[in-house]
PDB file of N, CA and C in Angstrom:
ATOM      1  N   MET A   1    -236.572  46.052 130.033  1.00  0.00           N
ATOM      2  CA  MET A   1    -236.439  44.772 130.646  1.00  0.00           C
ATOM      3  C   MET A   1    -236.636  43.749 129.632  1.00  0.00           C
ATOM      4  N   ASN A   2    -236.153  42.638 129.795  1.00  0.00           N
ATOM      5  CA  ASN A   2    -236.102  41.374 128.980  1.00  0.00           C
ATOM      6  C   ASN A   2    -236.708  40.265 129.870  1.00  0.00           C
ATOM      7  N   THR A   3    -237.792  39.581 129.341  1.00  0.00           N
ATOM      8  CA  THR A   3    -238.214  38.361 130.110  1.00  0.00           C
ATOM      9  C   THR A   3    -238.182  37.150 129.222  1.00  0.00           C
ATOM     10  N   THR A   4    -237.971  36.064 129.812  1.00  0.00           N
ATOM     11  CA  THR A   4    -237.956  34.887 129.144  1.00  0.00           C
ATOM     12  C   THR A   4    -238.168  33.624 130.054  1.00  0.00           C
ATOM     13  N   ASN A   5    -238.429  32.425 129.439  1.00  0.00           N
ATOM     14  CA  ASN A   5    -238.555  31.215 130.235  1.00  0.00           C
ATOM     15  C   ASN A   5    -237.202  30.685 130.109  1.00  0.00           C
ATOM     16  N   VAL A   6    -236.657  29.994 131.226  1.00  0.00           N
ATOM     17  CA  VAL A   6    -235.450  29.311 131.380  1.00  0.00           C
ATOM     18  C   VAL A   6    -235.718  28.022 131.858  1.00  0.00           C
ATOM     19  N   ILE A   7    -234.756  26.987 131.406  1.00  0.00           N
ATOM     20  CA  ILE A   7    -234.840  25.713 132.094  1.00  0.00           C
ATOM     21  C   ILE A   7    -233.681  25.529 133.265  1.00  0.00           C
ATOM     22  N   LEU A   8    -234.185  25.123 134.282  1.00  0.00           N
ATOM     23  CA  LEU A   8    -233.393  24.973 135.447  1.00  0.00           C
ATOM     24  C   LEU A   8    -232.931  23.522 135.676  1.00  0.00           C
ATOM     25  N   GLU A   9    -231.680  23.057 135.736  1.00  0.00           N
ATOM     26  CA  GLU A   9    -231.171  21.746 135.749  1.00  0.00           C
ATOM     27  C   GLU A   9    -231.029  21.450 137.312  1.00  0.00           C
ATOM     28  N   THR A  10    -231.425  20.325 137.619  1.00  0.00           N
ATOM     29  CA  THR A  10    -231.120  19.626 139.052  1.00  0.00           C
ATOM     30  C   THR A  10    -230.761  18.232 138.733  1.00  0.00           C
ATOM     31  N   PRO A  11    -230.195  17.705 139.766  1.00  0.00           N
ATOM     32  CA  PRO A  11    -229.859  16.184 139.637  1.00  0.00           C
ATOM     33  C   PRO A  11    -231.084  15.410 139.445  1.00  0.00           C
ATOM     34  N   ALA A  12    -232.244  15.806 139.853  1.00  0.00           N
ATOM     35  CA  ALA A  12    -233.457  15.045 139.688  1.00  0.00           C
ATOM     36  C   ALA A  12    -234.114  15.292 138.338  1.00  0.00           C
ATOM     37  N   GLY A  13    -233.791  16.307 137.610  1.00  0.00           N
ATOM     38  CA  GLY A  13    -234.420  16.596 136.298  1.00  0.00           C
ATOM     39  C   GLY A  13    -234.392  18.168 136.044  1.00  0.00           C
ATOM     40  N   SER A  14    -235.115  18.454 135.077  1.00  0.00           N
ATOM     41  CA  SER A  14    -235.115  19.936 134.633  1.00  0.00           C
ATOM     42  C   SER A  14    -236.523  20.399 134.687  1.00  0.00           C
ATOM     43  N   TYR A  15    -236.629  21.712 135.080  1.00  0.00           N
ATOM     44  CA  TYR A  15    -237.971  22.437 135.063  1.00  0.00           C
ATOM     45  C   TYR A  15    -237.872  23.811 134.659  1.00  0.00           C
ATOM     46  N   ASN A  16    -239.006  24.422 134.395  1.00  0.00           N
ATOM     47  CA  ASN A  16    -239.019  25.825 133.849  1.00  0.00           C
ATOM     48  C   ASN A  16    -239.021  26.880 134.985  1.00  0.00           C
ATOM     49  N   ALA A  17    -238.545  28.044 134.648  1.00  0.00           N
ATOM     50  CA  ALA A  17    -238.830  29.197 135.572  1.00  0.00           C
ATOM     51  C   ALA A  17    -238.941  30.494 134.590  1.00  0.00           C
ATOM     52  N   TYR A  18    -239.496  31.503 135.137  1.00  0.00           N
ATOM     53  CA  TYR A  18    -239.649  32.754 134.450  1.00  0.00           C
ATOM     54  C   TYR A  18    -238.649  33.615 134.847  1.00  0.00           C
ATOM     55  N   LEU A  19    -237.973  34.255 134.009  1.00  0.00           N
ATOM     56  CA  LEU A  19    -236.699  35.065 134.337  1.00  0.00           C
ATOM     57  C   LEU A  19    -237.068  36.523 133.835  1.00  0.00           C
ATOM     58  N   ALA A  20    -236.888  37.608 134.733  1.00  0.00           N
ATOM     59  CA  ALA A  20    -237.078  38.925 134.354  1.00  0.00           C
ATOM     60  C   ALA A  20    -235.614  39.542 134.525  1.00  0.00           C
ATOM     61  N   VAL A  21    -235.054  40.222 133.501  1.00  0.00           N
ATOM     62  CA  VAL A  21    -233.748  40.749 133.459  1.00  0.00           C
ATOM     63  C   VAL A  21    -233.949  42.356 133.392  1.00  0.00           C
ATOM     64  N   PRO A  22    -233.260  43.012 134.298  1.00  0.00           N
ATOM     65  CA  PRO A  22    -233.521  44.374 134.294  1.00  0.00           C
ATOM     66  C   PRO A  22    -232.655  45.108 133.071  1.00  0.00           C
ATOM     67  N   ASP A  23    -233.160  46.404 132.777  1.00  0.00           N
ATOM     68  CA  ASP A  23    -232.406  47.083 131.813  1.00  0.00           C
ATOM     69  C   ASP A  23    -231.232  47.791 132.376  1.00  0.00           C
ATOM     70  N   LYS A  24    -231.332  48.108 133.771  1.00  0.00           N
ATOM     71  CA  LYS A  24    -230.240  48.767 134.459  1.00  0.00           C
ATOM     72  C   LYS A  24    -229.851  47.942 135.688  1.00  0.00           C
ATOM     73  N   PRO A  25    -229.288  46.834 135.722  1.00  0.00           N
ATOM     74  CA  PRO A  25    -229.030  45.964 136.871  1.00  0.00           C
ATOM     75  C   PRO A  25    -228.422  46.732 137.979  1.00  0.00           C
ATOM     76  N   ASN A  26    -228.836  46.420 139.036  1.00  0.00           N
ATOM     77  CA  ASN A  26    -228.063  47.086 140.476  1.00  0.00           C
ATOM     78  C   ASN A  26    -227.273  46.019 141.022  1.00  0.00           C
ATOM     79  N   GLY A  27    -227.076  44.815 140.374  1.00  0.00           N
ATOM     80  CA  GLY A  27    -226.175  43.792 140.931  1.00  0.00           C
ATOM     81  C   GLY A  27    -226.801  42.747 141.808  1.00  0.00           C
ATOM     82  N   GLY A  28    -228.053  43.052 142.106  1.00  0.00           N
ATOM     83  CA  GLY A  28    -228.862  42.031 142.941  1.00  0.00           C
ATOM     84  C   GLY A  28    -229.605  41.093 142.235  1.00  0.00           C
ATOM     85  N   GLY A  29    -230.202  40.071 142.913  1.00  0.00           N
ATOM     86  CA  GLY A  29    -231.002  39.096 142.246  1.00  0.00           C
ATOM     87  C   GLY A  29    -232.044  38.549 143.386  1.00  0.00           C
ATOM     88  N   VAL A  30    -233.285  38.083 142.880  1.00  0.00           N
ATOM     89  CA  VAL A  30    -234.265  37.704 143.738  1.00  0.00           C
ATOM     90  C   VAL A  30    -234.787  36.475 143.291  1.00  0.00           C
ATOM     91  N   VAL A  31    -234.924  35.339 144.125  1.00  0.00           N
ATOM     92  CA  VAL A  31    -235.891  34.258 143.767  1.00  0.00           C
ATOM     93  C   VAL A  31    -237.205  34.490 144.193  1.00  0.00           C
ATOM     94  N   VAL A  32    -238.132  34.582 143.434  1.00  0.00           N
ATOM     95  CA  VAL A  32    -239.645  34.844 143.768  1.00  0.00           C
ATOM     96  C   VAL A  32    -240.152  33.300 143.801  1.00  0.00           C
ATOM     97  N   LEU A  33    -240.637  33.015 145.124  1.00  0.00           N
ATOM     98  CA  LEU A  33    -241.420  31.794 145.235  1.00  0.00           C
ATOM     99  C   LEU A  33    -242.798  31.971 144.865  1.00  0.00           C
ATOM    100  N   GLN A  34    -243.275  31.058 143.995  1.00  0.00           N
ATOM    101  CA  GLN A  34    -244.632  31.117 143.675  1.00  0.00           C
ATOM    102  C   GLN A  34    -245.687  30.945 144.705  1.00  0.00           C
ATOM    103  N   GLU A  35    -246.848  31.466 144.518  1.00  0.00           N
ATOM    104  CA  GLU A  35    -247.996  31.181 145.365  1.00  0.00           C
ATOM    105  C   GLU A  35    -248.571  29.794 145.006  1.00  0.00           C
ATOM    106  N   ILE A  36    -249.605  29.348 145.537  1.00  0.00           N
ATOM    107  CA  ILE A  36    -250.192  28.020 145.195  1.00  0.00           C
ATOM    108  C   ILE A  36    -250.801  27.898 143.785  1.00  0.00           C
ATOM    109  N   PHE A  37    -250.800  29.042 143.158  1.00  0.00           N
ATOM    110  CA  PHE A  37    -251.352  29.038 141.794  1.00  0.00           C
ATOM    111  C   PHE A  37    -250.464  28.947 140.572  1.00  0.00           C
ATOM    112  N   GLY A  38    -249.241  28.568 140.997  1.00  0.00           N
ATOM    113  CA  GLY A  38    -248.164  28.428 139.981  1.00  0.00           C
ATOM    114  C   GLY A  38    -247.557  29.666 139.450  1.00  0.00           C
ATOM    115  N   VAL A  39    -246.818  29.570 138.433  1.00  0.00           N
ATOM    116  CA  VAL A  39    -246.105  30.738 137.799  1.00  0.00           C
ATOM    117  C   VAL A  39    -247.143  31.387 136.822  1.00  0.00           C
ATOM    118  N   ASN A  40    -248.060  32.172 137.541  1.00  0.00           N
ATOM    119  CA  ASN A  40    -249.153  32.731 136.859  1.00  0.00           C
ATOM    120  C   ASN A  40    -248.812  34.205 136.511  1.00  0.00           C
ATOM    121  N   SER A  41    -249.814  35.015 136.108  1.00  0.00           N
ATOM    122  CA  SER A  41    -249.527  36.390 135.631  1.00  0.00           C
ATOM    123  C   SER A  41    -249.199  37.219 136.862  1.00  0.00           C
ATOM    124  N   ALA A  42    -249.688  36.847 138.120  1.00  0.00           N
ATOM    125  CA  ALA A  42    -249.278  37.576 139.219  1.00  0.00           C
ATOM    126  C   ALA A  42    -247.859  37.396 139.554  1.00  0.00           C
ATOM    127  N   MET A  43    -247.433  36.212 139.416  1.00  0.00           N
ATOM    128  CA  MET A  43    -246.054  35.902 139.725  1.00  0.00           C
ATOM    129  C   MET A  43    -245.012  36.684 138.738  1.00  0.00           C
ATOM    130  N   ARG A  44    -245.560  36.504 137.440  1.00  0.00           N
ATOM    131  CA  ARG A  44    -244.681  37.177 136.411  1.00  0.00           C
ATOM    132  C   ARG A  44    -244.698  38.594 136.613  1.00  0.00           C
ATOM    133  N   ALA A  45    -245.724  39.381 136.992  1.00  0.00           N
ATOM    134  CA  ALA A  45    -245.801  40.602 137.298  1.00  0.00           C
ATOM    135  C   ALA A  45    -244.930  41.107 138.487  1.00  0.00           C
ATOM    136  N   ALA A  46    -244.865  40.244 139.534  1.00  0.00           N
ATOM    137  CA  ALA A  46    -244.001  40.476 140.608  1.00  0.00           C
ATOM    138  C   ALA A  46    -242.623  40.571 140.087  1.00  0.00           C
ATOM    139  N   ALA A  47    -242.149  39.462 139.423  1.00  0.00           N
ATOM    140  CA  ALA A  47    -240.773  39.309 138.766  1.00  0.00           C
ATOM    141  C   ALA A  47    -240.436  40.653 138.041  1.00  0.00           C
ATOM    142  N   GLU A  48    -241.264  41.109 137.168  1.00  0.00           N
ATOM    143  CA  GLU A  48    -241.217  42.249 136.231  1.00  0.00           C
ATOM    144  C   GLU A  48    -241.117  43.465 137.125  1.00  0.00           C
ATOM    145  N   TRP A  49    -241.803  43.640 138.029  1.00  0.00           N
ATOM    146  CA  TRP A  49    -241.771  44.756 139.005  1.00  0.00           C
ATOM    147  C   TRP A  49    -240.313  44.767 139.678  1.00  0.00           C
ATOM    148  N   LEU A  50    -239.793  43.735 140.082  1.00  0.00           N
ATOM    149  CA  LEU A  50    -238.487  43.625 140.682  1.00  0.00           C
ATOM    150  C   LEU A  50    -237.452  44.010 139.678  1.00  0.00           C
ATOM    151  N   ALA A  51    -237.570  43.494 138.483  1.00  0.00           N
ATOM    152  CA  ALA A  51    -236.692  43.928 137.424  1.00  0.00           C
ATOM    153  C   ALA A  51    -236.601  45.360 137.071  1.00  0.00           C
ATOM    154  N   GLY A  52    -237.936  45.986 137.099  1.00  0.00           N
ATOM    155  CA  GLY A  52    -237.881  47.344 137.039  1.00  0.00           C
ATOM    156  C   GLY A  52    -237.119  48.108 138.067  1.00  0.00           C
ATOM    157  N   CYS A  53    -236.978  47.518 139.215  1.00  0.00           N
ATOM    158  CA  CYS A  53    -236.278  48.091 140.313  1.00  0.00           C
ATOM    159  C   CYS A  53    -234.816  47.868 140.266  1.00  0.00           C
ATOM    160  N   GLY A  54    -234.421  47.186 139.128  1.00  0.00           N
ATOM    161  CA  GLY A  54    -232.952  46.796 138.970  1.00  0.00           C
ATOM    162  C   GLY A  54    -232.538  45.424 139.438  1.00  0.00           C
ATOM    163  N   TYR A  55    -233.458  44.557 139.875  1.00  0.00           N
ATOM    164  CA  TYR A  55    -233.044  43.162 140.217  1.00  0.00           C
ATOM    165  C   TYR A  55    -233.297  42.160 139.114  1.00  0.00           C
ATOM    166  N   TYR A  56    -232.432  41.286 139.074  1.00  0.00           N
ATOM    167  CA  TYR A  56    -232.827  39.998 138.312  1.00  0.00           C
ATOM    168  C   TYR A  56    -233.735  39.268 139.104  1.00  0.00           C
ATOM    169  N   ALA A  57    -234.769  38.771 138.499  1.00  0.00           N
ATOM    170  CA  ALA A  57    -235.858  37.976 139.356  1.00  0.00           C
ATOM    171  C   ALA A  57    -236.228  36.732 138.524  1.00  0.00           C
ATOM    172  N   ILE A  58    -236.369  35.670 139.266  1.00  0.00           N
ATOM    173  CA  ILE A  58    -236.550  34.413 138.757  1.00  0.00           C
ATOM    174  C   ILE A  58    -237.553  33.706 139.514  1.00  0.00           C
ATOM    175  N   VAL A  59    -238.635  33.179 138.911  1.00  0.00           N
ATOM    176  CA  VAL A  59    -239.773  32.459 139.446  1.00  0.00           C
ATOM    177  C   VAL A  59    -239.766  31.002 139.050  1.00  0.00           C
ATOM    178  N   PRO A  60    -239.153  30.092 139.930  1.00  0.00           N
ATOM    179  CA  PRO A  60    -239.146  28.776 139.562  1.00  0.00           C
ATOM    180  C   PRO A  60    -240.520  27.969 139.710  1.00  0.00           C
ATOM    181  N   ASP A  61    -240.754  27.053 138.685  1.00  0.00           N
ATOM    182  CA  ASP A  61    -242.064  26.288 138.850  1.00  0.00           C
ATOM    183  C   ASP A  61    -241.836  25.129 139.996  1.00  0.00           C
ATOM    184  N   LEU A  62    -242.297  25.505 141.114  1.00  0.00           N
ATOM    185  CA  LEU A  62    -242.190  24.586 142.333  1.00  0.00           C
ATOM    186  C   LEU A  62    -243.137  23.316 142.325  1.00  0.00           C
ATOM    187  N   PHE A  63    -244.069  23.323 141.294  1.00  0.00           N
ATOM    188  CA  PHE A  63    -244.955  22.161 141.129  1.00  0.00           C
ATOM    189  C   PHE A  63    -244.456  21.211 140.063  1.00  0.00           C
ATOM    190  N   TRP A  64    -243.268  21.549 139.612  1.00  0.00           N
ATOM    191  CA  TRP A  64    -242.898  20.644 138.393  1.00  0.00           C
ATOM    192  C   TRP A  64    -242.870  19.099 138.678  1.00  0.00           C
ATOM    193  N   ARG A  65    -242.679  18.790 139.797  1.00  0.00           N
ATOM    194  CA  ARG A  65    -242.630  17.186 140.062  1.00  0.00           C
ATOM    195  C   ARG A  65    -243.974  16.661 140.141  1.00  0.00           C
ATOM    196  N   GLN A  66    -244.961  17.514 140.328  1.00  0.00           N
ATOM    197  CA  GLN A  66    -246.259  16.998 140.367  1.00  0.00           C
ATOM    198  C   GLN A  66    -247.111  17.114 138.975  1.00  0.00           C
ATOM    199  N   LYS A  67    -246.857  18.474 138.527  1.00  0.00           N
ATOM    200  CA  LYS A  67    -247.613  18.905 137.244  1.00  0.00           C
ATOM    201  C   LYS A  67    -246.931  20.117 136.709  1.00  0.00           C
ATOM    202  N   ALA A  68    -246.074  19.943 135.764  1.00  0.00           N
ATOM    203  CA  ALA A  68    -245.224  21.120 135.211  1.00  0.00           C
ATOM    204  C   ALA A  68    -246.218  22.117 134.505  1.00  0.00           C
ATOM    205  N   GLY A  69    -245.650  23.320 134.620  1.00  0.00           N
ATOM    206  CA  GLY A  69    -246.339  24.335 133.865  1.00  0.00           C
ATOM    207  C   GLY A  69    -247.718  24.808 134.473  1.00  0.00           C
ATOM    208  N   ILE A  70    -247.979  24.576 135.573  1.00  0.00           N
ATOM    209  CA  ILE A  70    -249.192  24.670 136.178  1.00  0.00           C
ATOM    210  C   ILE A  70    -249.418  26.416 136.312  1.00  0.00           C
ATOM    211  N   GLU A  71    -250.599  26.760 135.856  1.00  0.00           N
ATOM    212  CA  GLU A  71    -250.942  28.389 135.832  1.00  0.00           C
ATOM    213  C   GLU A  71    -252.351  28.466 136.196  1.00  0.00           C
ATOM    214  N   LEU A  72    -252.700  28.689 137.491  1.00  0.00           N
ATOM    215  CA  LEU A  72    -254.046  28.620 137.857  1.00  0.00           C
ATOM    216  C   LEU A  72    -254.621  30.074 138.162  1.00  0.00           C
ATOM    217  N   ASP A  73    -255.907  30.272 138.113  1.00  0.00           N
ATOM    218  CA  ASP A  73    -256.657  31.493 138.285  1.00  0.00           C
ATOM    219  C   ASP A  73    -257.213  31.581 139.767  1.00  0.00           C
ATOM    220  N   PRO A  74    -256.768  32.393 140.677  1.00  0.00           N
ATOM    221  CA  PRO A  74    -257.207  32.325 141.981  1.00  0.00           C
ATOM    222  C   PRO A  74    -258.728  32.702 142.163  1.00  0.00           C
ATOM    223  N   GLY A  75    -259.321  33.290 140.979  1.00  0.00           N
ATOM    224  CA  GLY A  75    -260.817  33.639 140.979  1.00  0.00           C
ATOM    225  C   GLY A  75    -261.549  32.517 140.600  1.00  0.00           C
ATOM    226  N   SER A  76    -261.014  31.378 140.213  1.00  0.00           N
ATOM    227  CA  SER A  76    -261.822  30.011 139.841  1.00  0.00           C
ATOM    228  C   SER A  76    -261.766  29.175 141.035  1.00  0.00           C
ATOM    229  N   GLU A  77    -263.088  28.745 141.374  1.00  0.00           N
ATOM    230  CA  GLU A  77    -263.283  27.693 142.443  1.00  0.00           C
ATOM    231  C   GLU A  77    -262.551  26.510 142.072  1.00  0.00           C
ATOM    232  N   THR A  78    -262.590  26.038 140.852  1.00  0.00           N
ATOM    233  CA  THR A  78    -262.059  24.868 140.519  1.00  0.00           C
ATOM    234  C   THR A  78    -260.621  24.905 140.489  1.00  0.00           C
ATOM    235  N   ASP A  79    -259.937  25.958 139.999  1.00  0.00           N
ATOM    236  CA  ASP A  79    -258.415  26.238 140.309  1.00  0.00           C
ATOM    237  C   ASP A  79    -257.978  26.401 141.680  1.00  0.00           C
ATOM    238  N   ARG A  80    -258.850  27.007 142.498  1.00  0.00           N
ATOM    239  CA  ARG A  80    -258.467  26.984 143.784  1.00  0.00           C
ATOM    240  C   ARG A  80    -258.380  25.662 144.457  1.00  0.00           C
ATOM    241  N   ALA A  81    -259.327  24.680 144.181  1.00  0.00           N
ATOM    242  CA  ALA A  81    -259.259  23.367 144.628  1.00  0.00           C
ATOM    243  C   ALA A  81    -258.120  22.596 144.095  1.00  0.00           C
ATOM    244  N   THR A  82    -257.785  22.773 142.869  1.00  0.00           N
ATOM    245  CA  THR A  82    -256.622  22.110 142.310  1.00  0.00           C
ATOM    246  C   THR A  82    -255.355  22.724 142.964  1.00  0.00           C
ATOM    247  N   ALA A  83    -255.195  23.984 143.186  1.00  0.00           N
ATOM    248  CA  ALA A  83    -254.100  24.468 143.932  1.00  0.00           C
ATOM    249  C   ALA A  83    -253.856  23.921 145.331  1.00  0.00           C
ATOM    250  N   MET A  84    -254.983  23.731 146.112  1.00  0.00           N
ATOM    251  CA  MET A  84    -254.859  23.262 147.357  1.00  0.00           C
ATOM    252  C   MET A  84    -254.477  21.891 147.230  1.00  0.00           C
ATOM    253  N   GLY A  85    -254.816  21.075 146.384  1.00  0.00           N
ATOM    254  CA  GLY A  85    -254.576  19.788 146.291  1.00  0.00           C
ATOM    255  C   GLY A  85    -253.088  19.597 145.906  1.00  0.00           C
ATOM    256  N   LEU A  86    -252.529  20.473 145.094  1.00  0.00           N
ATOM    257  CA  LEU A  86    -251.137  20.421 144.713  1.00  0.00           C
ATOM    258  C   LEU A  86    -250.273  20.874 145.847  1.00  0.00           C
ATOM    259  N   MET A  87    -250.658  21.890 146.582  1.00  0.00           N
ATOM    260  CA  MET A  87    -249.944  22.328 147.802  1.00  0.00           C
ATOM    261  C   MET A  87    -249.897  21.357 148.816  1.00  0.00           C
ATOM    262  N   GLN A  88    -250.944  20.665 149.105  1.00  0.00           N
ATOM    263  CA  GLN A  88    -250.967  19.616 150.216  1.00  0.00           C
ATOM    264  C   GLN A  88    -250.095  18.474 149.813  1.00  0.00           C
ATOM    265  N   ALA A  89    -250.014  18.052 148.552  1.00  0.00           N
ATOM    266  CA  ALA A  89    -249.292  16.909 148.039  1.00  0.00           C
ATOM    267  C   ALA A  89    -247.845  17.281 147.873  1.00  0.00           C
ATOM    268  N   MET A  90    -247.521  18.462 147.881  1.00  0.00           N
ATOM    269  CA  MET A  90    -246.012  18.887 147.550  1.00  0.00           C
ATOM    270  C   MET A  90    -245.232  18.665 148.786  1.00  0.00           C
ATOM    271  N   ASP A  91    -244.014  18.079 148.506  1.00  0.00           N
ATOM    272  CA  ASP A  91    -242.918  17.887 149.505  1.00  0.00           C
ATOM    273  C   ASP A  91    -242.323  19.345 149.597  1.00  0.00           C
ATOM    274  N   GLN A  92    -242.581  20.142 150.660  1.00  0.00           N
ATOM    275  CA  GLN A  92    -242.181  21.403 150.765  1.00  0.00           C
ATOM    276  C   GLN A  92    -240.624  21.488 151.017  1.00  0.00           C
ATOM    277  N   GLY A  93    -240.029  20.517 151.579  1.00  0.00           N
ATOM    278  CA  GLY A  93    -238.481  20.491 151.738  1.00  0.00           C
ATOM    279  C   GLY A  93    -237.911  20.403 150.463  1.00  0.00           C
ATOM    280  N   THR A  94    -238.419  19.481 149.648  1.00  0.00           N
ATOM    281  CA  THR A  94    -237.761  19.290 148.335  1.00  0.00           C
ATOM    282  C   THR A  94    -238.077  20.630 147.462  1.00  0.00           C
ATOM    283  N   ALA A  95    -239.224  21.197 147.480  1.00  0.00           N
ATOM    284  CA  ALA A  95    -239.434  22.344 146.696  1.00  0.00           C
ATOM    285  C   ALA A  95    -238.563  23.355 147.086  1.00  0.00           C
ATOM    286  N   VAL A  96    -238.353  23.666 148.403  1.00  0.00           N
ATOM    287  CA  VAL A  96    -237.357  24.723 148.893  1.00  0.00           C
ATOM    288  C   VAL A  96    -235.983  24.480 148.447  1.00  0.00           C
ATOM    289  N   ALA A  97    -235.596  23.126 148.432  1.00  0.00           N
ATOM    290  CA  ALA A  97    -234.246  22.701 147.905  1.00  0.00           C
ATOM    291  C   ALA A  97    -234.103  22.938 146.417  1.00  0.00           C
ATOM    292  N   ASP A  98    -235.192  22.783 145.721  1.00  0.00           N
ATOM    293  CA  ASP A  98    -235.083  23.238 144.303  1.00  0.00           C
ATOM    294  C   ASP A  98    -234.818  24.565 144.094  1.00  0.00           C
ATOM    295  N   ALA A  99    -235.640  25.310 145.019  1.00  0.00           N
ATOM    296  CA  ALA A  99    -235.472  26.761 144.708  1.00  0.00           C
ATOM    297  C   ALA A  99    -234.174  27.479 145.180  1.00  0.00           C
ATOM    298  N   VAL A 100    -233.481  26.771 146.129  1.00  0.00           N
ATOM    299  CA  VAL A 100    -232.215  27.397 146.660  1.00  0.00           C
ATOM    300  C   VAL A 100    -230.862  26.739 146.123  1.00  0.00           C
ATOM    301  N   ARG A 101    -231.128  25.571 145.442  1.00  0.00           N
ATOM    302  CA  ARG A 101    -229.926  24.828 144.910  1.00  0.00           C
ATOM    303  C   ARG A 101    -229.232  25.473 143.824  1.00  0.00           C
ATOM    304  N   PRO A 102    -228.070  25.443 143.734  1.00  0.00           N
ATOM    305  CA  PRO A 102    -227.352  26.071 142.655  1.00  0.00           C
ATOM    306  C   PRO A 102    -227.673  25.337 141.481  1.00  0.00           C
ATOM    307  N   PHE A 103    -228.029  26.161 140.268  1.00  0.00           N
ATOM    308  CA  PHE A 103    -228.552  25.529 139.076  1.00  0.00           C
ATOM    309  C   PHE A 103    -227.848  26.229 137.935  1.00  0.00           C
ATOM    310  N   THR A 104    -227.895  25.634 136.688  1.00  0.00           N
ATOM    311  CA  THR A 104    -227.637  26.034 135.570  1.00  0.00           C
ATOM    312  C   THR A 104    -228.850  26.432 134.728  1.00  0.00           C
ATOM    313  N   ALA A 105    -228.932  27.515 134.018  1.00  0.00           N
ATOM    314  CA  ALA A 105    -230.169  27.853 133.230  1.00  0.00           C
ATOM    315  C   ALA A 105    -229.769  27.985 131.730  1.00  0.00           C
ATOM    316  N   SER A 106    -230.691  27.578 130.980  1.00  0.00           N
ATOM    317  CA  SER A 106    -230.575  27.881 129.505  1.00  0.00           C
ATOM    318  C   SER A 106    -231.776  28.390 128.887  1.00  0.00           C
ATOM    319  N   ALA A 107    -231.829  29.394 128.062  1.00  0.00           N
ATOM    320  CA  ALA A 107    -232.860  30.033 127.479  1.00  0.00           C
ATOM    321  C   ALA A 107    -233.702  29.033 126.686  1.00  0.00           C
ATOM    322  N   VAL A 108    -234.976  29.101 126.817  1.00  0.00           N
ATOM    323  CA  VAL A 108    -235.986  28.449 125.781  1.00  0.00           C
ATOM    324  C   VAL A 108    -236.823  29.456 125.274  1.00  0.00           C
ATOM    325  N   GLY A 109    -237.365  29.217 124.081  1.00  0.00           N
ATOM    326  CA  GLY A 109    -238.359  30.181 123.584  1.00  0.00           C
ATOM    327  C   GLY A 109    -238.324  31.486 123.837  1.00  0.00           C
TER     328      GLY A 109
END
């Protein structure tokens, strides 16, 4: 499997996502929606598991409009409070639109 960060382009701007590419693709793909802790190790592990099953898996950063690149630890009380604040302030309709909108991706790093 190959993993990388990609940039997703939208009319409102660009943001990052984590992409896991399977070694033996089965033709399917999955958009993995992050938990309130951002694109953290748990979300990357979920994408990698899906890639291991043959699916392309991408995890877009849904908090990019508020604070790009957020990666919080659910075991930290401070991080949990930050996550709740970000979730409460997020426009869920816009976040869903970001996740399902057709986009172009280009590899970074």
